[in-house]
Amino acid sequence: MLWYPPLDPDRLTVPALDSHTGKAPDLDATVPVDHWVLFSTDEAPSDWGAPVVYPGDMRHRLRAYLPTAVVGRHYGRGQTLPNGDFTISHRDLLTGDLDRIERPQPTRS
């Protein structure tokens, strides 16, 4: 789980480069995937997403950093995708339009 201020406040990005070779990721590869990608936002309304239940004995200081609700999608079952991160616009996340999740290939600078 990552919680961070995004570089682009209109997009949430989950780092997800794959490397199944023990070497640096091949940025041009199409790779087999088996990921659950979950997103959350502090700006979601109270009836948004699937609620998350945590153990009662969890430290309150840790609990303060965890989401109360998430949405997500599973990528797998023999599926292959271009290697890269998963990203979605904040608006699409808030409306629950998970078909708008993208996995763009990284760019080289």
C-alpha atoms as a PDB file:
ATOM      1  CA  MET A   1       0.000   0.000   0.000  1.00  0.00           C
ATOM      2  CA  LEU A   2       1.226   3.464  -0.865  1.00  0.00           C
ATOM      3  CA  TRP A   3      -0.048   6.810   0.301  1.00  0.00           C
ATOM      4  CA  TYR A   4       1.557   9.777  -1.376  1.00  0.00           C
ATOM      5  CA  PRO A   5       0.826  13.231  -2.782  1.00  0.00           C
ATOM      6  CA  PRO A   6       0.626  12.605  -6.538  1.00  0.00           C
ATOM      7  CA  LEU A   7       2.746  14.530  -9.036  1.00  0.00           C
ATOM      8  CA  ASP A   8      -0.461  15.092 -11.023  1.00  0.00           C
ATOM      9  CA  PRO A   9      -3.326  15.764  -8.589  1.00  0.00           C
ATOM     10  CA  ASP A  10      -5.823  14.643 -11.247  1.00  0.00           C
ATOM     11  CA  ARG A  11      -4.329  11.107 -11.561  1.00  0.00           C
ATOM     12  CA  LEU A  12      -3.542   8.320  -9.136  1.00  0.00           C
ATOM     13  CA  THR A  13      -0.736   5.995 -10.159  1.00  0.00           C
ATOM     14  CA  VAL A  14       0.235   2.658  -8.637  1.00  0.00           C
ATOM     15  CA  PRO A  15       3.822   1.543  -9.353  1.00  0.00           C
ATOM     16  CA  ALA A  16       3.677  -1.919 -10.938  1.00  0.00           C
ATOM     17  CA  LEU A  17       6.638  -2.633 -13.214  1.00  0.00           C
ATOM     18  CA  ASP A  18       7.039  -6.392 -13.624  1.00  0.00           C
ATOM     19  CA  SER A  19      10.255  -8.361 -13.871  1.00  0.00           C
ATOM     20  CA  HIS A  20      10.088 -12.133 -13.718  1.00  0.00           C
ATOM     21  CA  THR A  21      13.706 -12.682 -14.760  1.00  0.00           C
ATOM     22  CA  GLY A  22      15.617 -11.453 -11.710  1.00  0.00           C
ATOM     23  CA  LYS A  23      16.984  -8.612 -13.846  1.00  0.00           C
ATOM     24  CA  ALA A  24      15.881  -5.019 -14.396  1.00  0.00           C
ATOM     25  CA  PRO A  25      12.347  -4.771 -15.858  1.00  0.00           C
ATOM     26  CA  ASP A  26      12.059  -4.799 -19.653  1.00  0.00           C
ATOM     27  CA  LEU A  27      10.187  -1.552 -20.308  1.00  0.00           C
ATOM     28  CA  ASP A  28       9.164  -2.683 -23.797  1.00  0.00           C
ATOM     29  CA  ALA A  29       7.817  -6.106 -22.762  1.00  0.00           C
ATOM     30  CA  THR A  30       4.315  -7.460 -22.637  1.00  0.00           C
ATOM     31  CA  VAL A  31       4.145  -9.382 -19.374  1.00  0.00           C
ATOM     32  CA  PRO A  32       1.801 -11.905 -17.743  1.00  0.00           C
ATOM     33  CA  VAL A  33      -0.102 -10.262 -14.884  1.00  0.00           C
ATOM     34  CA  ASP A  34      -1.702 -11.500 -11.707  1.00  0.00           C
ATOM     35  CA  HIS A  35      -2.459  -8.326  -9.759  1.00  0.00           C
ATOM     36  CA  TRP A  36      -5.192  -6.930  -7.598  1.00  0.00           C
ATOM     37  CA  VAL A  37      -4.997  -3.157  -8.067  1.00  0.00           C
ATOM     38  CA  LEU A  38      -6.774  -1.239  -5.307  1.00  0.00           C
ATOM     39  CA  PHE A  39      -7.340   2.499  -5.113  1.00  0.00           C
ATOM     40  CA  SER A  40      -8.693   4.800  -2.439  1.00  0.00           C
ATOM     41  CA  THR A  41      -8.999   8.538  -1.939  1.00  0.00           C
ATOM     42  CA  ASP A  42      -9.590  10.841   1.010  1.00  0.00           C
ATOM     43  CA  GLU A  43     -12.069  12.768  -1.152  1.00  0.00           C
ATOM     44  CA  ALA A  44     -14.570   9.919  -1.629  1.00  0.00           C
ATOM     45  CA  PRO A  45     -18.124  10.303  -0.289  1.00  0.00           C
ATOM     46  CA  SER A  46     -19.145   8.072   2.630  1.00  0.00           C
ATOM     47  CA  ASP A  47     -21.127   5.637   0.415  1.00  0.00           C
ATOM     48  CA  TRP A  48     -18.251   5.094  -2.060  1.00  0.00           C
ATOM     49  CA  GLY A  49     -16.373   1.832  -2.600  1.00  0.00           C
ATOM     50  CA  ALA A  50     -16.183  -1.354  -0.580  1.00  0.00           C
ATOM     51  CA  PRO A  51     -15.693  -0.806   3.153  1.00  0.00           C
ATOM     52  CA  VAL A  52     -12.502  -2.134   4.721  1.00  0.00           C
ATOM     53  CA  VAL A  53     -12.671  -3.818   8.121  1.00  0.00           C
ATOM     54  CA  TYR A  54      -9.503  -3.938  10.215  1.00  0.00           C
ATOM     55  CA  PRO A  55      -8.723  -6.066  13.275  1.00  0.00           C
ATOM     56  CA  GLY A  56      -9.912  -4.533  16.520  1.00  0.00           C
ATOM     57  CA  ASP A  57      -6.463  -4.771  18.093  1.00  0.00           C
ATOM     58  CA  MET A  58      -4.763  -2.710  15.345  1.00  0.00           C
ATOM     59  CA  ARG A  59      -2.829   0.277  16.653  1.00  0.00           C
ATOM     60  CA  HIS A  60      -4.809   3.492  16.332  1.00  0.00           C
ATOM     61  CA  ARG A  61      -1.755   5.328  14.915  1.00  0.00           C
ATOM     62  CA  LEU A  62      -1.526   2.796  12.062  1.00  0.00           C
ATOM     63  CA  ARG A  63      -5.293   2.769  11.492  1.00  0.00           C
ATOM     64  CA  ALA A  64      -5.247   6.544  10.906  1.00  0.00           C
ATOM     65  CA  TYR A  65      -3.259   5.973   7.675  1.00  0.00           C
ATOM     66  CA  LEU A  66      -5.453   3.227   6.218  1.00  0.00           C
ATOM     67  CA  PRO A  67      -8.436   3.737   3.903  1.00  0.00           C
ATOM     68  CA  THR A  68     -11.990   3.179   5.066  1.00  0.00           C
ATOM     69  CA  ALA A  69     -13.094   2.093   1.567  1.00  0.00           C
ATOM     70  CA  VAL A  70     -11.410   0.894  -1.630  1.00  0.00           C
ATOM     71  CA  VAL A  71     -12.255   0.028  -5.220  1.00  0.00           C
ATOM     72  CA  GLY A  72     -10.212  -2.242  -7.415  1.00  0.00           C
ATOM     73  CA  ARG A  73      -9.844  -4.686 -10.208  1.00  0.00           C
ATOM     74  CA  HIS A  74      -8.110  -8.004 -10.718  1.00  0.00           C
ATOM     75  CA  TYR A  75      -5.810  -8.470 -13.700  1.00  0.00           C
ATOM     76  CA  GLY A  76      -4.880 -12.085 -14.299  1.00  0.00           C
ATOM     77  CA  ARG A  77      -6.170 -15.454 -15.502  1.00  0.00           C
ATOM     78  CA  GLY A  78      -3.625 -15.728 -18.310  1.00  0.00           C
ATOM     79  CA  GLN A  79      -3.875 -12.040 -19.237  1.00  0.00           C
ATOM     80  CA  THR A  80      -0.855 -10.139 -20.556  1.00  0.00           C
ATOM     81  CA  LEU A  81      -0.399  -6.365 -20.549  1.00  0.00           C
ATOM     82  CA  PRO A  82       2.314  -3.891 -21.522  1.00  0.00           C
ATOM     83  CA  ASN A  83       4.788  -3.513 -18.667  1.00  0.00           C
ATOM     84  CA  GLY A  84       4.098  -0.357 -16.690  1.00  0.00           C
ATOM     85  CA  ASP A  85       2.253   1.275 -13.830  1.00  0.00           C
ATOM     86  CA  PHE A  86      -1.511   1.362 -13.319  1.00  0.00           C
ATOM     87  CA  THR A  87      -3.164   4.794 -13.415  1.00  0.00           C
ATOM     88  CA  ILE A  88      -6.645   6.323 -13.268  1.00  0.00           C
ATOM     89  CA  SER A  89      -7.948   9.878 -13.214  1.00  0.00           C
ATOM     90  CA  HIS A  90      -9.295  11.047  -9.877  1.00  0.00           C
ATOM     91  CA  ARG A  91     -12.666  11.816 -11.469  1.00  0.00           C
ATOM     92  CA  ASP A  92     -12.962   8.289 -12.933  1.00  0.00           C
ATOM     93  CA  LEU A  93     -11.966   6.863  -9.552  1.00  0.00           C
ATOM     94  CA  LEU A  94     -14.653   8.832  -7.725  1.00  0.00           C
ATOM     95  CA  THR A  95     -17.324   7.773 -10.238  1.00  0.00           C
ATOM     96  CA  GLY A  96     -16.193   4.134  -9.983  1.00  0.00           C
ATOM     97  CA  ASP A  97     -15.377   3.881 -13.704  1.00  0.00           C
ATOM     98  CA  LEU A  98     -12.677   1.218 -13.310  1.00  0.00           C
ATOM     99  CA  ASP A  99     -12.757   0.508 -17.053  1.00  0.00           C
ATOM    100  CA  ARG A 100     -10.688   3.703 -17.258  1.00  0.00           C
ATOM    101  CA  ILE A 101      -7.703   2.194 -15.425  1.00  0.00           C
ATOM    102  CA  GLU A 102      -4.730   2.326 -17.801  1.00  0.00           C
ATOM    103  CA  ARG A 103      -1.339   0.653 -17.834  1.00  0.00           C
ATOM    104  CA  PRO A 104       0.837   2.933 -19.937  1.00  0.00           C
ATOM    105  CA  GLN A 105       4.363   1.881 -20.746  1.00  0.00           C
ATOM    106  CA  PRO A 106       7.036   4.035 -19.103  1.00  0.00           C
ATOM    107  CA  THR A 107       8.743   6.755 -21.063  1.00  0.00           C
ATOM    108  CA  ARG A 108      12.455   7.270 -21.135  1.00  0.00           C
ATOM    109  CA  SER A 109      13.868  10.713 -20.448  1.00  0.00           C
END
